[in-house]
N, C-alpha and C. Protein backbone atom coordinates (compact mmCIF):
# COMPACT_ATOMS: atom_id res chain seq x y z
N UNK A 1 12.55 -67.91 9.16
CA UNK A 1 13.54 -67.00 9.64
C UNK A 1 13.42 -65.66 8.92
N UNK A 2 13.49 -64.60 9.69
CA UNK A 2 13.47 -63.25 9.13
C UNK A 2 14.87 -62.68 9.13
N UNK A 3 15.25 -62.14 7.99
CA UNK A 3 16.55 -61.46 7.89
C UNK A 3 16.29 -59.96 7.83
N UNK A 4 17.04 -59.25 8.65
CA UNK A 4 16.96 -57.79 8.59
C UNK A 4 18.01 -57.28 7.63
N UNK A 5 17.64 -56.29 6.86
CA UNK A 5 18.59 -55.68 5.96
C UNK A 5 18.79 -54.22 6.35
N UNK A 6 20.04 -53.72 6.13
CA UNK A 6 20.32 -52.33 6.44
C UNK A 6 21.16 -52.22 7.70
N UNK A 7 21.33 -50.98 8.13
CA UNK A 7 22.16 -50.68 9.30
C UNK A 7 21.29 -50.11 10.39
N UNK A 8 21.72 -50.33 11.61
CA UNK A 8 21.01 -49.72 12.73
C UNK A 8 21.54 -48.30 12.92
N UNK A 9 20.82 -47.51 13.66
CA UNK A 9 21.22 -46.14 13.92
C UNK A 9 22.55 -46.10 14.67
N UNK A 10 22.78 -47.00 15.57
CA UNK A 10 24.03 -47.05 16.35
C UNK A 10 25.21 -47.32 15.42
N UNK A 11 25.07 -48.23 14.49
CA UNK A 11 26.15 -48.52 13.55
C UNK A 11 26.48 -47.30 12.69
N UNK A 12 25.47 -46.60 12.24
CA UNK A 12 25.70 -45.40 11.44
C UNK A 12 26.38 -44.32 12.28
N UNK A 13 25.96 -44.13 13.51
CA UNK A 13 26.56 -43.13 14.40
C UNK A 13 28.03 -43.46 14.69
N UNK A 14 28.35 -44.71 14.91
CA UNK A 14 29.74 -45.11 15.16
C UNK A 14 30.59 -44.82 13.93
N UNK A 15 30.07 -45.10 12.75
CA UNK A 15 30.79 -44.82 11.51
C UNK A 15 31.04 -43.32 11.35
N UNK A 16 30.04 -42.50 11.63
CA UNK A 16 30.19 -41.04 11.52
C UNK A 16 31.25 -40.54 12.51
N UNK A 17 31.27 -41.07 13.71
CA UNK A 17 32.26 -40.66 14.71
C UNK A 17 33.67 -41.04 14.25
N UNK A 18 33.84 -42.23 13.72
CA UNK A 18 35.16 -42.67 13.25
C UNK A 18 35.64 -41.80 12.09
N UNK A 19 34.77 -41.51 11.14
CA UNK A 19 35.14 -40.65 10.02
C UNK A 19 35.48 -39.25 10.52
N UNK A 20 34.74 -38.74 11.49
CA UNK A 20 35.03 -37.42 12.06
C UNK A 20 36.38 -37.37 12.74
N UNK A 21 36.74 -38.41 13.47
CA UNK A 21 38.05 -38.46 14.13
C UNK A 21 39.17 -38.50 13.10
N UNK A 22 39.01 -39.32 12.07
CA UNK A 22 40.03 -39.39 11.01
C UNK A 22 40.18 -38.05 10.29
N UNK A 23 39.07 -37.38 10.02
CA UNK A 23 39.13 -36.08 9.34
C UNK A 23 39.79 -35.02 10.23
N UNK A 24 39.54 -35.06 11.52
CA UNK A 24 40.15 -34.07 12.42
C UNK A 24 41.66 -34.27 12.54
N UNK A 25 42.13 -35.45 12.27
CA UNK A 25 43.58 -35.70 12.28
C UNK A 25 44.18 -35.35 10.92
N UNK A 26 43.50 -35.68 9.84
CA UNK A 26 44.05 -35.51 8.50
C UNK A 26 44.05 -34.06 8.03
N UNK A 27 43.04 -33.26 8.35
CA UNK A 27 42.93 -31.91 7.81
C UNK A 27 44.08 -30.99 8.22
N UNK A 28 44.47 -30.93 9.50
CA UNK A 28 45.61 -30.06 9.85
C UNK A 28 46.90 -30.49 9.16
N UNK A 29 47.12 -31.78 9.01
CA UNK A 29 48.31 -32.24 8.30
C UNK A 29 48.27 -31.82 6.84
N UNK A 30 47.11 -31.86 6.25
CA UNK A 30 46.96 -31.46 4.85
C UNK A 30 47.26 -29.97 4.68
N UNK A 31 46.72 -29.12 5.56
CA UNK A 31 46.97 -27.68 5.44
C UNK A 31 48.44 -27.35 5.65
N UNK A 32 49.12 -28.06 6.55
CA UNK A 32 50.56 -27.85 6.73
C UNK A 32 51.32 -28.26 5.48
N UNK A 33 50.91 -29.31 4.86
CA UNK A 33 51.55 -29.79 3.63
C UNK A 33 51.39 -28.76 2.51
N UNK A 34 50.19 -28.21 2.38
CA UNK A 34 49.93 -27.20 1.35
C UNK A 34 50.75 -25.93 1.63
N UNK A 35 50.84 -25.53 2.89
CA UNK A 35 51.62 -24.34 3.26
C UNK A 35 53.11 -24.54 2.95
N UNK A 36 53.64 -25.72 3.25
CA UNK A 36 55.05 -26.00 2.94
C UNK A 36 55.30 -26.01 1.44
N UNK A 37 54.33 -26.50 0.68
CA UNK A 37 54.46 -26.49 -0.78
C UNK A 37 54.49 -25.08 -1.34
N UNK A 38 53.62 -24.21 -0.82
CA UNK A 38 53.62 -22.81 -1.27
C UNK A 38 54.90 -22.11 -0.85
N UNK A 39 55.40 -22.44 0.34
CA UNK A 39 56.65 -21.84 0.81
C UNK A 39 57.81 -22.28 -0.06
N UNK A 40 57.81 -23.52 -0.51
CA UNK A 40 58.88 -24.01 -1.39
C UNK A 40 58.89 -23.23 -2.70
N UNK A 41 57.71 -22.86 -3.19
CA UNK A 41 57.64 -22.05 -4.40
C UNK A 41 58.24 -20.66 -4.15
N UNK A 42 58.01 -20.10 -2.97
CA UNK A 42 58.58 -18.80 -2.63
C UNK A 42 60.10 -18.89 -2.53
N UNK A 43 60.61 -19.96 -1.94
CA UNK A 43 62.06 -20.13 -1.82
C UNK A 43 62.71 -20.25 -3.20
N UNK A 44 62.06 -20.99 -4.08
CA UNK A 44 62.57 -21.12 -5.44
C UNK A 44 62.54 -19.77 -6.15
N UNK A 45 61.49 -18.99 -5.92
CA UNK A 45 61.40 -17.66 -6.50
C UNK A 45 62.48 -16.73 -5.99
N UNK A 46 62.78 -16.81 -4.68
CA UNK A 46 63.86 -15.99 -4.11
C UNK A 46 65.20 -16.35 -4.74
N UNK A 47 65.46 -17.63 -4.90
CA UNK A 47 66.72 -18.05 -5.49
C UNK A 47 66.81 -17.61 -6.96
N UNK A 48 65.70 -17.68 -7.67
CA UNK A 48 65.66 -17.26 -9.07
C UNK A 48 65.95 -15.75 -9.19
N UNK A 49 65.28 -14.94 -8.37
CA UNK A 49 65.50 -13.49 -8.43
C UNK A 49 66.91 -13.15 -7.99
N UNK A 50 67.44 -13.89 -7.02
CA UNK A 50 68.82 -13.67 -6.59
C UNK A 50 69.80 -13.92 -7.73
N UNK A 51 69.57 -14.99 -8.48
CA UNK A 51 70.42 -15.27 -9.64
C UNK A 51 70.29 -14.18 -10.71
N UNK A 52 69.07 -13.69 -10.92
CA UNK A 52 68.87 -12.61 -11.88
C UNK A 52 69.57 -11.32 -11.43
N UNK A 53 69.53 -11.06 -10.13
CA UNK A 53 70.23 -9.88 -9.59
C UNK A 53 71.74 -9.99 -9.84
N UNK A 54 72.28 -11.17 -9.62
CA UNK A 54 73.72 -11.36 -9.83
C UNK A 54 74.08 -11.20 -11.31
N UNK A 55 73.23 -11.69 -12.21
CA UNK A 55 73.46 -11.51 -13.64
C UNK A 55 73.39 -10.03 -14.02
N UNK A 56 72.42 -9.33 -13.44
CA UNK A 56 72.28 -7.90 -13.70
C UNK A 56 73.51 -7.15 -13.18
N UNK A 57 74.01 -7.56 -12.02
CA UNK A 57 75.20 -6.91 -11.46
C UNK A 57 76.42 -7.11 -12.37
N UNK A 58 76.57 -8.29 -12.94
CA UNK A 58 77.69 -8.53 -13.85
C UNK A 58 77.61 -7.65 -15.09
N UNK A 59 76.41 -7.38 -15.56
CA UNK A 59 76.24 -6.57 -16.76
C UNK A 59 76.33 -5.06 -16.49
N UNK A 60 75.83 -4.61 -15.33
CA UNK A 60 75.69 -3.17 -15.07
C UNK A 60 76.51 -2.67 -13.88
N UNK A 61 77.20 -3.53 -13.19
CA UNK A 61 77.99 -3.17 -12.00
C UNK A 61 77.16 -2.51 -10.89
N UNK A 62 75.89 -2.87 -10.84
CA UNK A 62 74.99 -2.40 -9.79
C UNK A 62 73.79 -3.33 -9.73
N UNK A 63 73.18 -3.41 -8.56
CA UNK A 63 71.94 -4.16 -8.41
C UNK A 63 70.77 -3.23 -8.71
N UNK A 64 69.61 -3.81 -8.97
CA UNK A 64 68.42 -3.01 -9.24
C UNK A 64 67.29 -3.42 -8.31
N UNK A 65 66.45 -2.45 -7.94
CA UNK A 65 65.27 -2.77 -7.14
C UNK A 65 64.01 -2.81 -8.01
N UNK A 66 64.19 -2.65 -9.32
CA UNK A 66 63.09 -2.72 -10.27
C UNK A 66 63.07 -4.11 -10.90
N UNK A 67 62.06 -4.89 -10.56
CA UNK A 67 61.98 -6.28 -11.04
C UNK A 67 61.82 -6.37 -12.56
N UNK A 68 61.25 -5.36 -13.17
CA UNK A 68 61.08 -5.41 -14.62
C UNK A 68 62.42 -5.33 -15.35
N UNK A 69 63.41 -4.71 -14.74
CA UNK A 69 64.74 -4.67 -15.35
C UNK A 69 65.42 -6.03 -15.31
N UNK A 70 64.91 -6.92 -14.46
CA UNK A 70 65.45 -8.27 -14.37
C UNK A 70 64.74 -9.21 -15.35
N UNK A 71 63.78 -8.69 -16.08
CA UNK A 71 63.04 -9.51 -17.03
C UNK A 71 61.80 -10.14 -16.44
N UNK A 72 61.40 -9.71 -15.24
CA UNK A 72 60.19 -10.23 -14.62
C UNK A 72 59.01 -9.35 -15.01
N UNK A 73 57.82 -9.89 -14.86
CA UNK A 73 56.63 -9.23 -15.40
C UNK A 73 56.16 -8.02 -14.63
N UNK A 74 56.42 -7.94 -13.34
CA UNK A 74 55.87 -6.84 -12.53
C UNK A 74 56.81 -6.53 -11.37
N UNK A 75 56.52 -5.43 -10.70
CA UNK A 75 57.28 -5.02 -9.53
C UNK A 75 56.28 -4.64 -8.44
N UNK A 76 56.11 -5.36 -7.34
CA UNK A 76 56.79 -6.59 -6.96
C UNK A 76 56.28 -7.79 -7.77
N UNK A 77 57.11 -8.79 -7.80
CA UNK A 77 56.84 -9.97 -8.63
C UNK A 77 56.13 -11.04 -7.80
N UNK A 78 55.05 -11.62 -8.34
CA UNK A 78 54.34 -12.72 -7.69
C UNK A 78 54.90 -14.04 -8.17
N UNK A 79 55.15 -14.96 -7.23
CA UNK A 79 55.63 -16.29 -7.64
C UNK A 79 54.51 -17.02 -8.36
N UNK A 80 54.84 -18.15 -8.93
CA UNK A 80 53.91 -18.87 -9.81
C UNK A 80 52.57 -19.17 -9.17
N UNK A 81 52.56 -19.62 -7.90
CA UNK A 81 51.29 -19.97 -7.27
C UNK A 81 50.56 -18.76 -6.70
N UNK A 82 51.15 -17.59 -6.79
CA UNK A 82 50.57 -16.30 -6.37
C UNK A 82 50.31 -16.23 -4.87
N UNK A 83 51.00 -17.03 -4.07
CA UNK A 83 50.86 -16.97 -2.62
C UNK A 83 51.92 -16.09 -1.97
N UNK A 84 52.95 -15.74 -2.70
CA UNK A 84 54.02 -14.87 -2.19
C UNK A 84 54.36 -13.83 -3.25
N UNK A 85 54.67 -12.62 -2.79
CA UNK A 85 55.21 -11.61 -3.70
C UNK A 85 56.65 -11.34 -3.28
N UNK A 86 57.51 -11.12 -4.26
CA UNK A 86 58.93 -10.91 -4.00
C UNK A 86 59.29 -9.49 -4.38
N UNK A 87 59.96 -8.83 -3.45
CA UNK A 87 60.39 -7.46 -3.65
C UNK A 87 61.87 -7.35 -3.33
N UNK A 88 62.52 -6.36 -3.91
CA UNK A 88 63.96 -6.19 -3.75
C UNK A 88 64.25 -4.83 -3.13
N UNK A 89 65.21 -4.80 -2.22
CA UNK A 89 65.67 -3.54 -1.62
C UNK A 89 67.18 -3.48 -1.78
N UNK A 90 67.68 -2.33 -2.20
CA UNK A 90 69.11 -2.15 -2.45
C UNK A 90 69.73 -1.36 -1.30
N UNK A 91 70.83 -1.88 -0.77
CA UNK A 91 71.62 -1.20 0.27
C UNK A 91 73.02 -1.03 -0.26
N UNK A 92 73.27 0.05 -0.96
CA UNK A 92 74.61 0.27 -1.50
C UNK A 92 74.97 -0.80 -2.51
N UNK A 93 75.99 -1.61 -2.16
CA UNK A 93 76.46 -2.65 -3.06
C UNK A 93 75.90 -4.02 -2.70
N UNK A 94 74.75 -4.05 -2.05
CA UNK A 94 74.12 -5.33 -1.71
C UNK A 94 72.60 -5.21 -1.87
N UNK A 95 71.94 -6.35 -1.85
CA UNK A 95 70.48 -6.35 -1.96
C UNK A 95 69.90 -7.30 -0.93
N UNK A 96 68.63 -7.06 -0.62
CA UNK A 96 67.86 -7.97 0.23
C UNK A 96 66.55 -8.24 -0.49
N UNK A 97 66.27 -9.51 -0.74
CA UNK A 97 65.02 -9.94 -1.36
C UNK A 97 64.07 -10.38 -0.27
N UNK A 98 62.82 -9.96 -0.38
CA UNK A 98 61.82 -10.31 0.62
C UNK A 98 60.63 -10.95 -0.07
N UNK A 99 60.27 -12.15 0.39
CA UNK A 99 59.05 -12.82 -0.08
C UNK A 99 58.00 -12.64 1.01
N UNK A 100 56.90 -12.00 0.66
CA UNK A 100 55.83 -11.71 1.62
C UNK A 100 54.61 -12.54 1.27
N UNK A 101 54.07 -13.23 2.28
CA UNK A 101 52.90 -14.08 2.06
C UNK A 101 51.68 -13.24 1.71
N UNK A 102 50.93 -13.71 0.75
CA UNK A 102 49.71 -13.05 0.28
C UNK A 102 48.49 -13.87 0.67
N UNK A 103 47.38 -13.21 0.84
CA UNK A 103 46.05 -13.78 1.05
C UNK A 103 46.04 -14.95 2.04
N UNK A 104 45.60 -16.09 1.62
CA UNK A 104 45.39 -17.22 2.52
C UNK A 104 46.69 -17.81 3.07
N UNK A 105 47.78 -17.64 2.35
CA UNK A 105 49.06 -18.19 2.79
C UNK A 105 49.53 -17.53 4.09
N UNK A 106 49.20 -16.27 4.29
CA UNK A 106 49.59 -15.58 5.52
C UNK A 106 48.94 -16.23 6.74
N UNK A 107 47.75 -16.75 6.58
CA UNK A 107 47.08 -17.44 7.68
C UNK A 107 47.53 -18.89 7.85
N UNK A 108 47.86 -19.54 6.75
CA UNK A 108 48.29 -20.94 6.79
C UNK A 108 49.67 -21.10 7.40
N UNK A 109 50.54 -20.13 7.13
CA UNK A 109 51.95 -20.25 7.52
C UNK A 109 52.39 -18.98 8.26
N UNK A 110 51.86 -18.76 9.48
CA UNK A 110 52.11 -17.49 10.16
C UNK A 110 53.57 -17.25 10.55
N UNK A 111 54.35 -18.31 10.72
CA UNK A 111 55.75 -18.14 11.10
C UNK A 111 56.61 -17.68 9.92
N UNK A 112 56.13 -17.85 8.71
CA UNK A 112 56.92 -17.52 7.52
C UNK A 112 56.19 -16.51 6.64
N UNK A 113 55.63 -15.47 7.26
CA UNK A 113 54.96 -14.43 6.48
C UNK A 113 55.96 -13.64 5.65
N UNK A 114 57.17 -13.45 6.17
CA UNK A 114 58.23 -12.75 5.45
C UNK A 114 59.47 -13.61 5.46
N UNK A 115 59.97 -13.91 4.27
CA UNK A 115 61.19 -14.70 4.12
C UNK A 115 62.19 -13.82 3.37
N UNK A 116 63.42 -13.77 3.87
CA UNK A 116 64.41 -12.88 3.27
C UNK A 116 65.65 -13.64 2.84
N UNK A 117 66.26 -13.12 1.78
CA UNK A 117 67.52 -13.63 1.26
C UNK A 117 68.35 -12.42 0.85
N UNK A 118 69.59 -12.36 1.34
CA UNK A 118 70.44 -11.22 1.00
C UNK A 118 71.50 -11.63 -0.02
N UNK A 119 72.19 -10.63 -0.54
CA UNK A 119 73.24 -10.89 -1.53
C UNK A 119 74.42 -11.63 -0.92
N UNK A 120 74.55 -11.59 0.40
CA UNK A 120 75.63 -12.32 1.06
C UNK A 120 75.26 -13.77 1.32
N UNK A 121 74.01 -14.12 1.04
CA UNK A 121 73.54 -15.49 1.27
C UNK A 121 72.84 -15.68 2.60
N UNK A 122 72.70 -14.60 3.37
CA UNK A 122 72.01 -14.69 4.67
C UNK A 122 70.52 -14.95 4.43
N UNK A 123 69.99 -15.95 5.15
CA UNK A 123 68.59 -16.35 4.99
C UNK A 123 67.89 -16.19 6.34
N UNK A 124 66.71 -15.60 6.31
CA UNK A 124 65.95 -15.47 7.55
C UNK A 124 64.45 -15.57 7.23
N UNK A 125 63.67 -16.02 8.16
CA UNK A 125 64.03 -16.77 9.36
C UNK A 125 64.53 -18.18 9.02
N UNK A 126 65.43 -18.67 9.83
CA UNK A 126 66.08 -19.95 9.56
C UNK A 126 65.09 -21.12 9.44
N UNK A 127 64.05 -21.13 10.28
CA UNK A 127 63.11 -22.27 10.26
C UNK A 127 62.27 -22.34 8.99
N UNK A 128 62.26 -21.27 8.21
CA UNK A 128 61.50 -21.27 6.95
C UNK A 128 62.30 -21.85 5.80
N UNK A 129 63.59 -21.96 5.95
CA UNK A 129 64.45 -22.49 4.89
C UNK A 129 64.64 -23.94 5.16
C-alpha cells in the first residue's frame, strides 16, 4: 500500500478561500472598533478640557481660548492617541470645544470628523456620543 503525504492543490485553494472570506468579514469590524476607541479618547479629552474650562472660570470669571492657560501642553491640544485635536472657541460667557479628527482617523470615522461640546452641555453630532 502506498500512502500519499501532503495536501492537494484543491485542498490548499479551499483553505485560502475560507481564510479570505473570514478576513473580509473581520477587517471592517476591526477598523470600526479602532475608530470607536480613538473617538472615546476624544470624548474623554473634551470632557477633561470642559472641566478645566469650568475651573478656570471659577478662578478668573471668564473662559479662555488659550489651552496653555488651562495647563495643557499646546494650543490646539492633541489627545493622548494623537488622532484628535481639541480647540476652544469663546462666545461671550460660554465656550464651544471642538475635537477635530487628524490624519488616518478622519478616514476611519468620517461621520465624526468634528465633535463638539459646549458650556451648556450641548453635544453634537449626537451619534458620535
